[in-house]
Amino acid sequence: MILQHSTLTAVVAVLLLFLANASALVAPWTTNFTQQEIDSGTVLADLNRKAYNNVLARLADNTNNTARCTKENIKVRREWRSIPAEERIRYTDAVTCLQRTPPLYADVPGSKSMFDDFVVLHQRATNFIHSSATFFLWHRYYIWTYEKRLETECGYNGTFPYWEWGHDTTDNLSSSPVFDGSPTSMGGDGAPSRMGASPSSNVTTDLPAGNGGGCVTRGPFSNMTVHLGPHAMPSYGNVTAQNSATPEEDNPRCLRRDLSAYPLRRWASFRNTTTLIRDNRDIEMFQAVAQGDSRYVDAGQLGIHGGGHYSLGGNPSSDVFLSPGDTAFYLHHGQMDRVYWIWQNLNWANRQVSAAIPSYWQHLLLVPLSVAATDG
């Protein structure tokens, strides 16, 4: 099923609020910042706070509030490490529950659960939802739908998490509370494997290998089985990727990760995110820089989007079509949506509507779902 514009608009009318760390929210809003304040995340916290206050003011203005959102029914998303330990465990338990829930795509051999259904949906839509006007809004609806399934199918009523990459730009990503392999993490690194460097799908320079590369053996998803693909895995070192001509067939294998802070440090740091929000006034350049869209000279290479994905490495996270097969995908895109939410709500009147040029994905001219999508 591909989401239609009218459905998308109706569903994302439900407002999501994102909270930064409480201590960061007390800083005043200013316009002159030092480089240290940018690199430490202080400026991003200020931008978050200003966007948050703008939303509350808009909700309080009943004359302009035609949506179903109120201060009483809004949902708040929080960064993973600010969520209580027991709630994190309830979240990962809900994810494993979804991996046991029967699929809706009964005709897809590789979809063994409702969790896999989401991978199938992304795999079928990939060519239309990247480097296009639909990128941010489609993924917003996608993770919202995933959140609702965790609620309706598995009884999860806690907060939906996001992963602030800026906290994890040090050399050892596997020590992050998100990936330390503890019961309150999203699982650990893969076992050490001599995989070698990995080229991303849209840059010509190699990304240095991490310390893992093998099966994830610690944490809530240590026994997880990946079924779909691979479709577009990059080659690692001298190992040529064995991509499938029929990626929707069942191909059971372990979840593999090769955690590396290098892509975060280079493309998804506090500085990268803050600069993206402050320097790009229209949706065309905002989405281009966020994705490292190669059609734009000034867009860079991977952007915050690729930086987050390729920091996970392994299989299937490095596969642009099937990356939702790694459970950390949803925390990464929770943060992507947070960045978009901040940018939108700093200037809601001019940023409610998204429009960008058609998508040229993998050298094919593709018509996006809508060249003018709206988040109303």
Protein backbone atom coordinates (compact mmCIF):
# COMPACT_ATOMS: atom_id res chain seq x y z
CA MET A 1 0.00 0.00 0.00
CA ILE A 2 1.33 3.44 -0.92
CA LEU A 3 0.04 6.33 1.13
CA GLN A 4 -2.03 8.92 -0.66
CA HIS A 5 -1.71 12.65 -0.11
CA SER A 6 -5.16 13.08 1.44
CA THR A 7 -4.59 10.29 3.96
CA LEU A 8 -1.19 11.66 4.87
CA THR A 9 -2.53 15.14 5.51
CA ALA A 10 -5.34 13.91 7.73
CA VAL A 11 -3.17 11.70 9.89
CA VAL A 12 -0.26 14.05 10.51
CA ALA A 13 -2.73 16.63 11.78
CA VAL A 14 -2.05 14.88 15.09
CA LEU A 15 0.65 17.04 16.65
CA LEU A 16 3.80 15.58 18.13
CA LEU A 17 5.90 17.49 20.63
CA PHE A 18 9.56 16.80 21.16
CA LEU A 19 11.31 17.60 24.41
CA ALA A 20 15.04 18.10 24.75
CA ASN A 21 16.76 17.36 28.05
CA ALA A 22 15.03 19.45 30.72
CA SER A 23 18.28 21.11 31.76
CA ALA A 24 18.88 22.29 28.21
CA LEU A 25 15.48 23.97 27.96
CA VAL A 26 16.26 26.70 30.48
CA ALA A 27 18.73 28.49 28.19
CA PRO A 28 17.32 31.77 26.79
CA TRP A 29 16.62 32.20 23.10
CA THR A 30 19.30 34.36 21.50
CA THR A 31 20.70 34.87 18.02
CA ASN A 32 24.43 35.17 18.71
CA PHE A 33 26.12 31.91 19.61
CA THR A 34 29.69 30.74 19.97
CA GLN A 35 30.96 27.73 18.07
CA GLN A 36 31.21 25.86 21.36
CA GLU A 37 27.52 26.51 22.07
CA ILE A 38 26.65 25.12 18.64
CA ASP A 39 28.89 22.06 18.98
CA SER A 40 27.65 21.25 22.49
CA GLY A 41 23.98 21.16 21.48
CA THR A 42 23.03 24.32 23.38
CA VAL A 43 21.84 26.07 20.23
CA LEU A 44 19.85 23.07 19.05
CA ALA A 45 18.15 22.95 22.46
CA ASP A 46 17.26 26.64 22.07
CA LEU A 47 15.80 25.99 18.63
CA ASN A 48 13.82 23.08 20.06
CA ARG A 49 12.50 25.27 22.88
CA LYS A 50 11.49 28.08 20.54
CA ALA A 51 9.67 25.64 18.24
CA TYR A 52 7.96 24.09 21.27
CA ASN A 53 6.79 27.49 22.54
CA ASN A 54 5.54 28.40 19.06
CA VAL A 55 3.43 25.24 19.01
CA LEU A 56 1.94 25.95 22.43
CA ALA A 57 1.10 29.50 21.37
CA ARG A 58 -0.58 28.21 18.22
CA LEU A 59 -2.62 25.71 20.22
CA ALA A 60 -3.70 28.44 22.62
CA ASP A 61 -4.96 30.55 19.72
CA ASN A 62 -8.29 28.82 19.14
CA THR A 63 -9.04 31.01 16.12
CA ASN A 64 -6.19 29.37 14.20
CA ASN A 65 -6.44 25.90 15.67
CA THR A 66 -8.68 23.97 13.30
CA ALA A 67 -6.98 20.61 13.87
CA ARG A 68 -7.83 18.07 16.54
CA CYS A 69 -4.80 18.92 18.66
CA THR A 70 -5.03 20.44 22.11
CA LYS A 71 -2.59 20.87 24.96
CA GLU A 72 -4.38 18.00 26.66
CA ASN A 73 -4.10 15.39 23.91
CA ILE A 74 -0.74 16.07 22.29
CA LYS A 75 1.83 13.28 22.41
CA VAL A 76 5.38 13.96 23.52
CA ARG A 77 8.42 12.13 22.17
CA ARG A 78 11.63 11.89 24.16
CA GLU A 79 15.27 11.08 23.54
CA TRP A 80 16.11 7.48 24.40
CA ARG A 81 18.41 8.16 27.34
CA SER A 82 15.86 10.46 29.00
CA ILE A 83 13.23 7.69 29.10
CA PRO A 84 13.08 5.70 32.38
CA ALA A 85 14.72 2.27 32.19
CA GLU A 86 11.51 0.33 32.77
CA GLU A 87 9.76 2.23 29.97
CA ARG A 88 12.62 1.52 27.57
CA ILE A 89 12.23 -2.17 28.33
CA ARG A 90 8.49 -1.94 27.72
CA TYR A 91 9.25 -0.34 24.36
CA THR A 92 11.65 -3.07 23.24
CA ASP A 93 9.23 -5.71 24.53
CA ALA A 94 6.54 -4.14 22.33
CA VAL A 95 8.87 -4.29 19.32
CA THR A 96 9.54 -8.00 19.88
CA CYS A 97 5.77 -8.45 20.29
CA LEU A 98 5.25 -6.87 16.87
CA GLN A 99 7.84 -9.32 15.51
CA ARG A 100 5.57 -12.13 16.72
CA THR A 101 2.34 -10.58 15.40
CA PRO A 102 1.01 -12.21 12.18
CA PRO A 103 1.68 -10.22 9.01
CA LEU A 104 -0.86 -8.42 6.86
CA TYR A 105 1.23 -9.03 3.72
CA ALA A 106 0.27 -12.70 3.57
CA ASP A 107 1.35 -12.86 -0.09
CA VAL A 108 4.95 -11.84 0.66
CA PRO A 109 7.06 -14.93 1.53
CA GLY A 110 9.63 -12.91 3.48
CA SER A 111 7.13 -11.06 5.65
CA LYS A 112 6.82 -13.26 8.70
CA SER A 113 5.38 -10.66 11.07
CA MET A 114 3.76 -7.25 11.23
CA PHE A 115 7.24 -5.85 11.91
CA ASP A 116 8.30 -7.25 8.53
CA ASP A 117 5.24 -5.67 6.92
CA PHE A 118 6.76 -2.26 7.61
CA VAL A 119 9.97 -3.37 5.90
CA VAL A 120 7.99 -4.48 2.85
CA LEU A 121 6.17 -1.14 2.69
CA HIS A 122 9.44 0.81 2.80
CA GLN A 123 11.05 -1.50 0.24
CA ARG A 124 8.19 -0.92 -2.21
CA ALA A 125 8.07 2.84 -1.70
CA THR A 126 11.81 3.62 -1.55
CA ASN A 127 12.13 4.99 -5.08
CA PHE A 128 9.35 7.48 -4.42
CA ILE A 129 10.11 8.67 -0.90
CA HIS A 130 13.75 9.74 -1.07
CA SER A 131 15.12 12.88 -2.69
CA SER A 132 11.55 14.08 -3.15
CA ALA A 133 8.91 16.34 -1.64
CA THR A 134 7.45 13.35 0.18
CA PHE A 135 10.56 12.37 2.14
CA PHE A 136 9.82 14.03 5.47
CA LEU A 137 6.04 13.74 5.46
CA TRP A 138 5.99 10.13 4.25
CA HIS A 139 8.42 9.03 6.94
CA ARG A 140 6.49 11.04 9.54
CA TYR A 141 3.34 9.10 8.73
CA TYR A 142 5.30 5.85 8.49
CA ILE A 143 6.78 6.02 11.98
CA TRP A 144 3.47 7.31 13.37
CA THR A 145 1.76 4.23 11.95
CA TYR A 146 4.46 2.02 13.47
CA GLU A 147 3.92 3.74 16.82
CA LYS A 148 0.17 3.10 16.58
CA ARG A 149 0.73 -0.59 15.82
CA LEU A 150 2.94 -0.91 18.90
CA GLU A 151 0.02 0.55 20.81
CA THR A 152 -2.90 -1.36 19.28
CA GLU A 153 -1.21 -4.73 18.69
CA CYS A 154 1.15 -4.86 21.66
CA GLY A 155 -0.33 -2.57 24.30
CA TYR A 156 2.54 -0.09 24.41
CA ASN A 157 1.35 3.26 25.76
CA GLY A 158 4.69 4.84 26.62
CA THR A 159 6.56 7.55 24.80
CA PHE A 160 7.91 6.97 21.31
CA PRO A 161 11.69 7.48 21.38
CA TYR A 162 14.14 9.30 19.17
CA TRP A 163 17.94 9.11 19.06
CA GLU A 164 19.87 12.38 19.31
CA TRP A 165 22.97 11.58 17.24
CA GLY A 166 24.86 14.56 18.63
CA HIS A 167 25.34 12.80 21.97
CA ASP A 168 27.14 9.91 20.28
CA THR A 169 29.85 11.41 18.08
CA THR A 170 32.68 10.00 20.22
CA ASP A 171 34.82 7.11 19.02
CA ASN A 172 32.95 4.33 20.84
CA LEU A 173 29.32 4.26 19.71
CA SER A 174 28.83 0.90 21.41
CA SER A 175 29.14 2.64 24.80
CA SER A 176 26.08 4.79 24.08
CA PRO A 177 23.00 3.96 26.20
CA VAL A 178 21.25 3.38 22.88
CA PHE A 179 23.66 0.63 21.77
CA ASP A 180 25.52 -0.64 24.85
CA GLY A 181 23.89 -4.07 24.64
CA SER A 182 22.22 -3.77 28.04
CA PRO A 183 18.57 -4.76 28.63
CA THR A 184 17.65 -1.06 28.42
CA SER A 185 19.34 -0.51 25.04
CA MET A 186 18.31 -1.10 21.43
CA GLY A 187 20.82 -3.94 21.29
CA GLY A 188 24.57 -3.83 20.90
CA ASP A 189 27.18 -3.87 18.17
CA GLY A 190 27.70 -6.88 15.96
CA ALA A 191 30.32 -9.46 16.85
CA PRO A 192 33.76 -8.60 15.43
CA SER A 193 33.98 -9.49 11.75
CA ARG A 194 36.61 -8.56 9.18
CA MET A 195 34.21 -6.81 6.82
CA GLY A 196 36.40 -3.90 5.76
CA ALA A 197 35.35 -0.41 4.75
CA SER A 198 31.88 0.23 3.35
CA PRO A 199 31.00 2.63 0.53
CA SER A 200 27.64 4.29 0.99
CA SER A 201 25.16 4.21 -1.87
CA ASN A 202 25.72 7.82 -2.92
CA VAL A 203 29.29 8.82 -2.11
CA THR A 204 32.51 7.76 -3.78
CA THR A 205 34.68 7.68 -0.66
CA ASP A 206 34.74 4.68 1.64
CA LEU A 207 33.40 4.83 5.16
CA PRO A 208 35.83 3.32 7.69
CA ALA A 209 34.76 0.05 9.24
CA GLY A 210 33.66 -0.11 12.85
CA ASN A 211 34.59 -2.78 15.38
CA GLY A 212 31.67 -5.09 14.67
CA GLY A 213 30.12 -6.31 11.44
CA GLY A 214 28.78 -9.64 12.65
CA CYS A 215 25.60 -10.77 14.37
CA VAL A 216 24.19 -8.74 17.25
CA THR A 217 24.71 -10.93 20.31
CA ARG A 218 23.81 -8.62 23.22
CA GLY A 219 20.65 -6.82 24.22
CA PRO A 220 16.94 -7.16 23.45
CA PHE A 221 17.41 -8.12 19.78
CA SER A 222 20.29 -10.59 20.11
CA ASN A 223 18.19 -13.45 18.72
CA MET A 224 16.45 -11.44 16.03
CA THR A 225 16.02 -12.92 12.55
CA VAL A 226 16.03 -10.71 9.44
CA HIS A 227 13.94 -12.19 6.63
CA LEU A 228 13.74 -9.80 3.68
CA GLY A 229 16.43 -8.90 1.18
CA PRO A 230 19.12 -7.93 0.74
CA HIS A 231 18.14 -5.54 -2.02
CA ALA A 232 20.82 -2.84 -2.22
CA MET A 233 23.53 -3.69 0.29
CA PRO A 234 26.91 -2.06 -0.40
CA SER A 235 30.02 -4.19 -0.68
CA TYR A 236 32.25 -4.39 2.40
CA GLY A 237 35.98 -4.34 1.79
CA ASN A 238 36.71 -7.16 -0.64
CA VAL A 239 33.36 -8.83 0.01
CA THR A 240 30.94 -8.22 -2.86
CA ALA A 241 27.36 -7.73 -1.73
CA GLN A 242 25.11 -10.66 -2.60
CA ASN A 243 21.92 -8.77 -3.31
CA SER A 244 18.80 -10.67 -4.21
CA ALA A 245 16.84 -10.29 -7.43
CA THR A 246 13.76 -11.24 -5.39
CA PRO A 247 14.20 -9.30 -2.11
CA GLU A 248 10.70 -10.15 -0.86
CA GLU A 249 11.51 -13.85 -0.64
CA ASP A 250 12.39 -15.30 2.76
CA ASN A 251 16.12 -15.14 3.44
CA PRO A 252 16.55 -15.78 7.19
CA ARG A 253 19.74 -14.42 8.75
CA CYS A 254 20.86 -12.63 11.87
CA LEU A 255 20.71 -8.89 12.49
CA ARG A 256 24.20 -7.53 11.80
CA ARG A 257 25.63 -4.19 12.91
CA ASP A 258 28.94 -2.43 12.48
CA LEU A 259 28.61 0.59 14.75
CA SER A 260 30.79 3.58 13.92
CA ALA A 261 30.69 7.15 15.21
CA TYR A 262 32.53 8.41 12.12
CA PRO A 263 29.41 9.08 9.99
CA LEU A 264 27.77 10.83 12.96
CA ARG A 265 30.79 12.99 13.63
CA ARG A 266 31.07 13.98 9.97
CA TRP A 267 27.41 14.33 8.95
CA ALA A 268 25.08 14.16 11.99
CA SER A 269 26.74 16.14 14.77
CA PHE A 270 25.10 18.94 16.74
CA ARG A 271 26.85 21.33 14.35
CA ASN A 272 25.45 19.57 11.27
CA THR A 273 21.91 19.53 12.62
CA THR A 274 21.98 23.11 13.87
CA THR A 275 23.42 24.43 10.62
CA LEU A 276 20.82 22.52 8.63
CA ILE A 277 17.98 24.14 10.57
CA ARG A 278 19.36 27.68 10.70
CA ASP A 279 20.82 28.03 7.20
CA ASN A 280 18.12 26.53 4.97
CA ARG A 281 15.01 28.68 4.65
CA ASP A 282 13.02 26.67 2.07
CA ILE A 283 12.01 23.02 1.93
CA GLU A 284 13.92 22.35 -1.28
CA MET A 285 17.34 23.00 0.22
CA PHE A 286 16.35 21.75 3.66
CA GLN A 287 15.48 18.30 2.35
CA ALA A 288 18.44 18.32 -0.04
CA VAL A 289 21.00 19.03 2.68
CA ALA A 290 19.30 16.67 5.14
CA GLN A 291 19.58 13.82 2.63
CA GLY A 292 22.87 14.75 0.98
CA ASP A 293 20.97 14.99 -2.31
CA SER A 294 23.59 14.63 -5.06
CA ARG A 295 21.62 16.86 -7.47
CA TYR A 296 22.61 19.88 -5.36
CA VAL A 297 26.20 21.11 -5.28
CA ASP A 298 25.83 22.51 -1.77
CA ALA A 299 24.04 19.52 -0.26
CA GLY A 300 27.15 17.62 0.79
CA GLN A 301 27.35 13.85 0.73
CA LEU A 302 25.31 11.85 3.24
CA GLY A 303 23.52 14.50 5.27
CA ILE A 304 22.06 13.79 8.69
CA HIS A 305 19.91 11.08 7.13
CA GLY A 306 22.75 9.01 5.74
CA GLY A 307 24.99 9.82 8.68
CA GLY A 308 22.59 8.13 11.06
CA HIS A 309 21.94 5.11 8.85
CA TYR A 310 25.56 4.38 8.02
CA SER A 311 26.65 4.73 11.65
CA LEU A 312 24.68 1.52 12.25
CA GLY A 313 26.29 -0.30 9.34
CA GLY A 314 25.76 -3.99 8.86
CA ASN A 315 22.72 -5.71 7.39
CA PRO A 316 20.01 -4.58 6.79
CA SER A 317 20.65 -1.04 8.05
CA SER A 318 23.03 -0.24 5.17
CA ASP A 319 20.40 -1.31 2.64
CA VAL A 320 18.44 1.81 1.68
CA PHE A 321 15.40 -0.26 0.70
CA LEU A 322 15.27 -2.53 3.75
CA SER A 323 16.84 -0.43 6.52
CA PRO A 324 13.66 -0.59 8.69
CA GLY A 325 14.65 -4.22 9.27
CA ASP A 326 16.97 -2.89 11.99
CA THR A 327 14.88 -1.89 14.99
CA ALA A 328 17.05 1.22 15.52
CA PHE A 329 15.68 2.64 12.25
CA TYR A 330 12.67 4.06 14.08
CA LEU A 331 14.75 5.94 16.65
CA HIS A 332 16.88 7.38 13.86
CA HIS A 333 13.83 8.52 11.91
CA GLY A 334 12.24 9.75 15.11
CA GLN A 335 15.17 12.16 15.29
CA MET A 336 14.84 12.99 11.59
CA ASP A 337 11.22 13.91 12.23
CA ARG A 338 12.20 15.95 15.28
CA VAL A 339 14.66 17.99 13.20
CA TYR A 340 11.96 18.59 10.59
CA TRP A 341 9.46 19.47 13.34
CA ILE A 342 11.83 22.08 14.80
CA TRP A 343 12.47 23.57 11.36
CA GLN A 344 8.75 23.70 10.52
CA ASN A 345 7.66 25.24 13.79
CA LEU A 346 10.25 28.00 13.74
CA ASN A 347 8.27 29.43 10.81
CA TRP A 348 5.02 27.49 10.58
CA ALA A 349 3.23 29.95 8.28
CA ASN A 350 5.79 29.42 5.54
CA ARG A 351 6.83 25.83 6.24
CA GLN A 352 3.58 23.94 6.55
CA VAL A 353 3.63 23.11 2.84
CA SER A 354 6.37 20.98 1.30
CA ALA A 355 7.35 21.17 -2.37
CA ALA A 356 10.45 20.06 -4.20
CA ILE A 357 11.53 18.92 -7.65
CA PRO A 358 10.84 15.37 -8.90
CA SER A 359 13.10 12.58 -7.71
CA TYR A 360 15.90 11.08 -9.74
CA TRP A 361 16.66 7.99 -7.72
CA GLN A 362 19.21 5.50 -9.03
CA HIS A 363 19.36 7.40 -12.35
CA LEU A 364 15.65 6.91 -13.07
CA LEU A 365 13.13 9.73 -13.37
CA LEU A 366 10.48 8.90 -10.82
CA VAL A 367 7.28 10.76 -10.12
CA PRO A 368 6.94 11.35 -6.36
CA LEU A 369 3.65 10.66 -4.59
CA SER A 370 2.94 14.37 -4.53
CA VAL A 371 5.03 17.32 -5.60
CA ALA A 372 3.10 19.43 -3.13
CA ALA A 373 2.37 17.69 0.13
CA THR A 374 1.00 19.47 3.15
CA ASP A 375 1.27 18.82 6.85
CA GLY A 376 -1.88 20.39 8.19
